[in-house]
Amino acid sequence: MHNILVQQKFFDELACEWDQLNGSGKTEKIEAILKSKVPPLSGPVLDIGSGTGILLPLLSRLNGHYIFELDIARNMLKMAKQKMVYMNHHSFVHADAHHIPFNECSIGTAFCFCVYPHFNNPERAIEEIYRVLRNGGHMILLHLMNHEELNAMHASKNEVVAGDMLPPVKQLATELERIGFEVTHAEEDTGLYLLVAGK
């Protein structure tokens, strides 16, 4: 794993092309998954590793609660702000998931889309998410690849992310339960990695 400053620089430099790199059609897939496999989102929602705000319109439409977009890369948040000037009920937070700047039990749903492998200290980040979640709140951890697909993709990329690996879903579910979460959904298949865990 690289330190936070290296990661910030890497993702800041990708901000202008991030939406193109991530392709189209993801929000439709995510919406179908959220509607069929995930309990209703409670607010406020914390979108960790939010990038350029790709999911903000979807999250806003699905739950109507206040949304905090959190990312380590200022340029990602800057791009999101430029796209979302017409939207209300959201804020952009430049912060690190290992040190979330919110009080205990202040968040209803923590949404982690395509971010877990980039945590320098995954255990610390998950403990932080657990800390800020309200009792009865949920963490949703989602990738549109299974761990083998994602790890192979990262290994073929820039050295900054080449070592950013995702464990098998059952292994991560066990770790979440050790921290105190109750895992209510753990699923992994071609094109999908989903964990839903309640506090």
C-alpha atoms as a PDB file:
ATOM      1  CA  MET A   1       0.000   0.000   0.000  1.00  0.00           C
ATOM      2  CA  HIS A   2       1.114   3.540  -0.722  1.00  0.00           C
ATOM      3  CA  ASN A   3       0.785   6.447   1.657  1.00  0.00           C
ATOM      4  CA  ILE A   4      -2.139   8.822   1.506  1.00  0.00           C
ATOM      5  CA  LEU A   5      -0.251  11.590  -0.326  1.00  0.00           C
ATOM      6  CA  VAL A   6       0.725   9.251  -3.169  1.00  0.00           C
ATOM      7  CA  GLN A   7      -2.893   8.104  -3.481  1.00  0.00           C
ATOM      8  CA  GLN A   8      -4.175  11.690  -3.453  1.00  0.00           C
ATOM      9  CA  LYS A   9      -1.824  12.691  -6.251  1.00  0.00           C
ATOM     10  CA  PHE A  10      -2.726   9.626  -8.318  1.00  0.00           C
ATOM     11  CA  PHE A  11      -6.479  10.143  -8.079  1.00  0.00           C
ATOM     12  CA  ASP A  12      -6.234  13.922  -8.440  1.00  0.00           C
ATOM     13  CA  GLU A  13      -4.480  13.420 -11.775  1.00  0.00           C
ATOM     14  CA  LEU A  14      -7.244  11.057 -12.958  1.00  0.00           C
ATOM     15  CA  ALA A  15     -10.138  13.348 -12.033  1.00  0.00           C
ATOM     16  CA  CYS A  16     -10.687  14.910 -15.473  1.00  0.00           C
ATOM     17  CA  GLU A  17     -10.961  11.530 -17.187  1.00  0.00           C
ATOM     18  CA  TRP A  18     -12.520   9.546 -14.351  1.00  0.00           C
ATOM     19  CA  ASP A  19     -16.059   9.445 -15.774  1.00  0.00           C
ATOM     20  CA  GLN A  20     -14.789   8.229 -19.160  1.00  0.00           C
ATOM     21  CA  LEU A  21     -12.566   5.577 -17.591  1.00  0.00           C
ATOM     22  CA  ASN A  22     -15.460   4.217 -15.585  1.00  0.00           C
ATOM     23  CA  GLY A  23     -17.685   3.822 -18.618  1.00  0.00           C
ATOM     24  CA  SER A  24     -21.466   4.007 -18.760  1.00  0.00           C
ATOM     25  CA  GLY A  25     -24.264   1.851 -17.480  1.00  0.00           C
ATOM     26  CA  LYS A  26     -22.924   1.421 -13.955  1.00  0.00           C
ATOM     27  CA  THR A  27     -25.617   3.441 -12.249  1.00  0.00           C
ATOM     28  CA  GLU A  28     -28.349   1.285 -13.814  1.00  0.00           C
ATOM     29  CA  LYS A  29     -26.662  -1.887 -12.544  1.00  0.00           C
ATOM     30  CA  ILE A  30     -26.150  -0.389  -9.090  1.00  0.00           C
ATOM     31  CA  GLU A  31     -29.756   0.777  -8.905  1.00  0.00           C
ATOM     32  CA  ALA A  32     -30.998  -2.738  -9.714  1.00  0.00           C
ATOM     33  CA  ILE A  33     -28.725  -4.213  -7.026  1.00  0.00           C
ATOM     34  CA  LEU A  34     -29.817  -1.683  -4.397  1.00  0.00           C
ATOM     35  CA  LYS A  35     -33.503  -2.250  -5.128  1.00  0.00           C
ATOM     36  CA  SER A  36     -33.298  -6.052  -5.052  1.00  0.00           C
ATOM     37  CA  LYS A  37     -30.566  -6.923  -2.539  1.00  0.00           C
ATOM     38  CA  VAL A  38     -30.163  -4.026  -0.091  1.00  0.00           C
ATOM     39  CA  PRO A  39     -32.475  -2.667   2.627  1.00  0.00           C
ATOM     40  CA  PRO A  40     -33.770   0.893   2.122  1.00  0.00           C
ATOM     41  CA  LEU A  41     -31.054   3.486   2.687  1.00  0.00           C
ATOM     42  CA  SER A  42     -31.391   5.510   5.862  1.00  0.00           C
ATOM     43  CA  GLY A  43     -29.950   8.955   6.194  1.00  0.00           C
ATOM     44  CA  PRO A  44     -27.792  10.761   6.245  1.00  0.00           C
ATOM     45  CA  VAL A  45     -25.785   8.815   3.664  1.00  0.00           C
ATOM     46  CA  LEU A  46     -21.986   8.872   3.602  1.00  0.00           C
ATOM     47  CA  ASP A  47     -20.587   8.045   0.144  1.00  0.00           C
ATOM     48  CA  ILE A  48     -16.980   7.037   0.884  1.00  0.00           C
ATOM     49  CA  GLY A  49     -14.549   7.339  -2.013  1.00  0.00           C
ATOM     50  CA  SER A  50     -17.187   9.260  -3.933  1.00  0.00           C
ATOM     51  CA  GLY A  51     -14.866  10.359  -6.728  1.00  0.00           C
ATOM     52  CA  THR A  52     -16.513  12.682  -9.237  1.00  0.00           C
ATOM     53  CA  GLY A  53     -19.981  12.104  -7.795  1.00  0.00           C
ATOM     54  CA  ILE A  54     -21.036   9.432 -10.253  1.00  0.00           C
ATOM     55  CA  LEU A  55     -23.474   7.931  -7.740  1.00  0.00           C
ATOM     56  CA  LEU A  56     -24.783  11.145  -6.195  1.00  0.00           C
ATOM     57  CA  PRO A  57     -27.857  11.526  -8.465  1.00  0.00           C
ATOM     58  CA  LEU A  58     -28.742   7.851  -7.926  1.00  0.00           C
ATOM     59  CA  LEU A  59     -28.320   7.965  -4.152  1.00  0.00           C
ATOM     60  CA  SER A  60     -30.324  11.177  -3.984  1.00  0.00           C
ATOM     61  CA  ARG A  61     -33.150   9.747  -6.078  1.00  0.00           C
ATOM     62  CA  LEU A  62     -33.330   6.495  -4.117  1.00  0.00           C
ATOM     63  CA  ASN A  63     -33.436   7.854  -0.595  1.00  0.00           C
ATOM     64  CA  GLY A  64     -34.042  11.612  -0.447  1.00  0.00           C
ATOM     65  CA  HIS A  65     -31.771  11.938   2.600  1.00  0.00           C
ATOM     66  CA  TYR A  66     -28.817  14.284   3.008  1.00  0.00           C
ATOM     67  CA  ILE A  67     -25.687  12.896   1.342  1.00  0.00           C
ATOM     68  CA  PHE A  68     -22.047  13.510   2.234  1.00  0.00           C
ATOM     69  CA  GLU A  69     -19.611  12.869  -0.610  1.00  0.00           C
ATOM     70  CA  LEU A  70     -16.212  12.013   0.907  1.00  0.00           C
ATOM     71  CA  ASP A  71     -12.970  11.597  -1.015  1.00  0.00           C
ATOM     72  CA  ILE A  72      -9.228  12.031  -0.472  1.00  0.00           C
ATOM     73  CA  ALA A  73      -8.758  13.684  -3.886  1.00  0.00           C
ATOM     74  CA  ARG A  74      -9.630  17.385  -4.065  1.00  0.00           C
ATOM     75  CA  ASN A  75      -9.828  17.350  -7.868  1.00  0.00           C
ATOM     76  CA  MET A  76     -12.379  14.535  -7.783  1.00  0.00           C
ATOM     77  CA  LEU A  77     -14.562  16.585  -5.442  1.00  0.00           C
ATOM     78  CA  LYS A  78     -14.027  19.683  -7.587  1.00  0.00           C
ATOM     79  CA  MET A  79     -15.306  17.818 -10.649  1.00  0.00           C
ATOM     80  CA  ALA A  80     -18.296  16.569  -8.669  1.00  0.00           C
ATOM     81  CA  LYS A  81     -19.164  20.083  -7.500  1.00  0.00           C
ATOM     82  CA  GLN A  82     -19.097  21.366 -11.073  1.00  0.00           C
ATOM     83  CA  LYS A  83     -21.510  18.658 -12.213  1.00  0.00           C
ATOM     84  CA  MET A  84     -23.871  18.854  -9.240  1.00  0.00           C
ATOM     85  CA  VAL A  85     -24.501  22.592  -8.879  1.00  0.00           C
ATOM     86  CA  TYR A  86     -28.214  21.997  -9.584  1.00  0.00           C
ATOM     87  CA  MET A  87     -28.629  19.543  -6.696  1.00  0.00           C
ATOM     88  CA  ASN A  88     -29.433  20.273  -3.067  1.00  0.00           C
ATOM     89  CA  HIS A  89     -29.116  18.292   0.159  1.00  0.00           C
ATOM     90  CA  HIS A  90     -25.497  17.249  -0.186  1.00  0.00           C
ATOM     91  CA  SER A  91     -22.015  18.317   0.905  1.00  0.00           C
ATOM     92  CA  PHE A  92     -18.509  17.534  -0.311  1.00  0.00           C
ATOM     93  CA  VAL A  93     -15.966  16.469   2.297  1.00  0.00           C
ATOM     94  CA  HIS A  94     -12.235  16.297   1.603  1.00  0.00           C
ATOM     95  CA  ALA A  95     -11.114  13.626   4.057  1.00  0.00           C
ATOM     96  CA  ASP A  96      -9.539  10.227   4.545  1.00  0.00           C
ATOM     97  CA  ALA A  97     -11.745   7.242   5.416  1.00  0.00           C
ATOM     98  CA  HIS A  98      -9.271   6.294   8.130  1.00  0.00           C
ATOM     99  CA  HIS A  99     -10.152   9.533   9.950  1.00  0.00           C
ATOM    100  CA  ILE A 100     -13.796  10.335   9.125  1.00  0.00           C
ATOM    101  CA  PRO A 101     -14.650  13.850  10.394  1.00  0.00           C
ATOM    102  CA  PHE A 102     -18.054  12.962  11.844  1.00  0.00           C
ATOM    103  CA  ASN A 103     -19.331  12.285  15.334  1.00  0.00           C
ATOM    104  CA  GLU A 104     -20.125   8.818  16.592  1.00  0.00           C
ATOM    105  CA  CYS A 105     -23.500   7.427  15.535  1.00  0.00           C
ATOM    106  CA  SER A 106     -24.181  10.291  13.112  1.00  0.00           C
ATOM    107  CA  ILE A 107     -24.568   8.398   9.796  1.00  0.00           C
ATOM    108  CA  GLY A 108     -27.462   6.187   8.693  1.00  0.00           C
ATOM    109  CA  THR A 109     -25.837   4.499   5.692  1.00  0.00           C
ATOM    110  CA  ALA A 110     -22.176   4.239   4.692  1.00  0.00           C
ATOM    111  CA  PHE A 111     -21.855   3.461   1.002  1.00  0.00           C
ATOM    112  CA  CYS A 112     -18.493   2.094  -0.180  1.00  0.00           C
ATOM    113  CA  PHE A 113     -18.448   1.670  -3.953  1.00  0.00           C
ATOM    114  CA  CYS A 114     -15.144   0.543  -5.487  1.00  0.00           C
ATOM    115  CA  VAL A 115     -13.102   1.918  -2.593  1.00  0.00           C
ATOM    116  CA  TYR A 116     -12.246  -0.865  -0.117  1.00  0.00           C
ATOM    117  CA  PRO A 117      -9.043  -2.055  -1.881  1.00  0.00           C
ATOM    118  CA  HIS A 118      -7.634   1.473  -1.687  1.00  0.00           C
ATOM    119  CA  PHE A 119      -7.783   1.659   2.107  1.00  0.00           C
ATOM    120  CA  ASN A 120      -4.189   1.715   3.388  1.00  0.00           C
ATOM    121  CA  ASN A 121      -5.377   0.212   6.663  1.00  0.00           C
ATOM    122  CA  PRO A 122      -8.656  -1.591   5.957  1.00  0.00           C
ATOM    123  CA  GLU A 123      -9.272  -2.561   9.575  1.00  0.00           C
ATOM    124  CA  ARG A 124      -8.870   1.036  10.710  1.00  0.00           C
ATOM    125  CA  ALA A 125     -11.187   2.310   7.968  1.00  0.00           C
ATOM    126  CA  ILE A 126     -13.889  -0.241   8.790  1.00  0.00           C
ATOM    127  CA  GLU A 127     -13.633   0.624  12.486  1.00  0.00           C
ATOM    128  CA  GLU A 128     -14.137   4.287  11.574  1.00  0.00           C
ATOM    129  CA  ILE A 129     -17.191   3.443   9.509  1.00  0.00           C
ATOM    130  CA  TYR A 130     -18.571   1.414  12.410  1.00  0.00           C
ATOM    131  CA  ARG A 131     -17.930   4.348  14.771  1.00  0.00           C
ATOM    132  CA  VAL A 132     -19.860   6.914  12.717  1.00  0.00           C
ATOM    133  CA  LEU A 133     -22.816   4.610  11.929  1.00  0.00           C
ATOM    134  CA  ARG A 134     -25.956   4.875  14.020  1.00  0.00           C
ATOM    135  CA  ASN A 135     -27.307   1.787  15.735  1.00  0.00           C
ATOM    136  CA  GLY A 136     -29.481   0.147  13.097  1.00  0.00           C
ATOM    137  CA  GLY A 137     -27.449   1.744  10.303  1.00  0.00           C
ATOM    138  CA  HIS A 138     -25.819  -0.166   7.450  1.00  0.00           C
ATOM    139  CA  MET A 139     -22.582  -0.273   5.540  1.00  0.00           C
ATOM    140  CA  ILE A 140     -22.925  -1.294   1.894  1.00  0.00           C
ATOM    141  CA  LEU A 141     -19.717  -2.434   0.208  1.00  0.00           C
ATOM    142  CA  LEU A 142     -20.111  -2.962  -3.532  1.00  0.00           C
ATOM    143  CA  HIS A 143     -17.980  -3.755  -6.572  1.00  0.00           C
ATOM    144  CA  LEU A 144     -19.149  -4.700 -10.040  1.00  0.00           C
ATOM    145  CA  MET A 145     -16.439  -7.384 -10.192  1.00  0.00           C
ATOM    146  CA  ASN A 146     -15.647 -10.330  -7.980  1.00  0.00           C
ATOM    147  CA  HIS A 147     -12.379 -10.241  -6.035  1.00  0.00           C
ATOM    148  CA  GLU A 148     -10.448 -12.247  -8.633  1.00  0.00           C
ATOM    149  CA  GLU A 149     -11.562  -9.984 -11.490  1.00  0.00           C
ATOM    150  CA  LEU A 150     -10.812  -6.823  -9.538  1.00  0.00           C
ATOM    151  CA  ASN A 151      -7.413  -7.962  -8.249  1.00  0.00           C
ATOM    152  CA  ALA A 152      -6.319  -8.962 -11.746  1.00  0.00           C
ATOM    153  CA  MET A 153      -7.435  -5.592 -13.089  1.00  0.00           C
ATOM    154  CA  HIS A 154      -5.544  -3.665 -10.408  1.00  0.00           C
ATOM    155  CA  ALA A 155      -2.417  -5.789 -10.907  1.00  0.00           C
ATOM    156  CA  SER A 156      -2.332  -4.736 -14.557  1.00  0.00           C
ATOM    157  CA  LYS A 157      -2.639  -1.014 -13.780  1.00  0.00           C
ATOM    158  CA  ASN A 158      -0.377   1.759 -12.475  1.00  0.00           C
ATOM    159  CA  GLU A 159       1.897   0.680  -9.632  1.00  0.00           C
ATOM    160  CA  VAL A 160      -0.003   2.935  -7.221  1.00  0.00           C
ATOM    161  CA  VAL A 161      -3.020   0.590  -7.335  1.00  0.00           C
ATOM    162  CA  ALA A 162      -1.293  -2.642  -8.413  1.00  0.00           C
ATOM    163  CA  GLY A 163      -1.198  -3.906  -4.846  1.00  0.00           C
ATOM    164  CA  ASP A 164      -4.704  -2.758  -3.877  1.00  0.00           C
ATOM    165  CA  MET A 165      -6.398  -6.095  -3.354  1.00  0.00           C
ATOM    166  CA  LEU A 166      -9.925  -7.173  -2.407  1.00  0.00           C
ATOM    167  CA  PRO A 167     -10.261 -10.312  -0.234  1.00  0.00           C
ATOM    168  CA  PRO A 168     -12.852 -13.037  -0.910  1.00  0.00           C
ATOM    169  CA  VAL A 169     -16.257 -11.914   0.310  1.00  0.00           C
ATOM    170  CA  LYS A 170     -16.510 -14.573   3.036  1.00  0.00           C
ATOM    171  CA  GLN A 171     -13.132 -13.556   4.430  1.00  0.00           C
ATOM    172  CA  LEU A 172     -14.127  -9.890   4.594  1.00  0.00           C
ATOM    173  CA  ALA A 173     -17.513 -10.796   6.111  1.00  0.00           C
ATOM    174  CA  THR A 174     -15.690 -12.571   8.940  1.00  0.00           C
ATOM    175  CA  GLU A 175     -13.532  -9.496   9.537  1.00  0.00           C
ATOM    176  CA  LEU A 176     -16.589  -7.218   9.652  1.00  0.00           C
ATOM    177  CA  GLU A 177     -18.235  -9.493  12.203  1.00  0.00           C
ATOM    178  CA  ARG A 178     -15.084  -9.437  14.336  1.00  0.00           C
ATOM    179  CA  ILE A 179     -15.271  -5.634  14.423  1.00  0.00           C
ATOM    180  CA  GLY A 180     -18.914  -5.786  15.522  1.00  0.00           C
ATOM    181  CA  PHE A 181     -20.996  -5.677  12.345  1.00  0.00           C
ATOM    182  CA  GLU A 182     -23.818  -8.092  11.650  1.00  0.00           C
ATOM    183  CA  VAL A 183     -23.432  -9.222   8.035  1.00  0.00           C
ATOM    184  CA  THR A 184     -26.890  -9.613   6.510  1.00  0.00           C
ATOM    185  CA  HIS A 185     -25.853 -10.189   2.890  1.00  0.00           C
ATOM    186  CA  ALA A 186     -22.571 -11.505   1.460  1.00  0.00           C
ATOM    187  CA  GLU A 187     -22.501 -12.386  -2.226  1.00  0.00           C
ATOM    188  CA  GLU A 188     -19.806 -12.801  -4.818  1.00  0.00           C
ATOM    189  CA  ASP A 189     -20.091 -13.907  -8.427  1.00  0.00           C
ATOM    190  CA  THR A 190     -18.863 -12.858 -11.838  1.00  0.00           C
ATOM    191  CA  GLY A 191     -19.473  -9.109 -12.066  1.00  0.00           C
ATOM    192  CA  LEU A 192     -20.598  -8.693  -8.453  1.00  0.00           C
ATOM    193  CA  TYR A 193     -19.176  -8.335  -4.942  1.00  0.00           C
ATOM    194  CA  LEU A 194     -21.679  -7.236  -2.322  1.00  0.00           C
ATOM    195  CA  LEU A 195     -21.583  -7.012   1.452  1.00  0.00           C
ATOM    196  CA  VAL A 196     -24.366  -5.494   3.541  1.00  0.00           C
ATOM    197  CA  ALA A 197     -23.555  -5.166   7.226  1.00  0.00           C
ATOM    198  CA  GLY A 198     -25.617  -3.635  10.012  1.00  0.00           C
ATOM    199  CA  LYS A 199     -24.608  -2.093  13.308  1.00  0.00           C
END
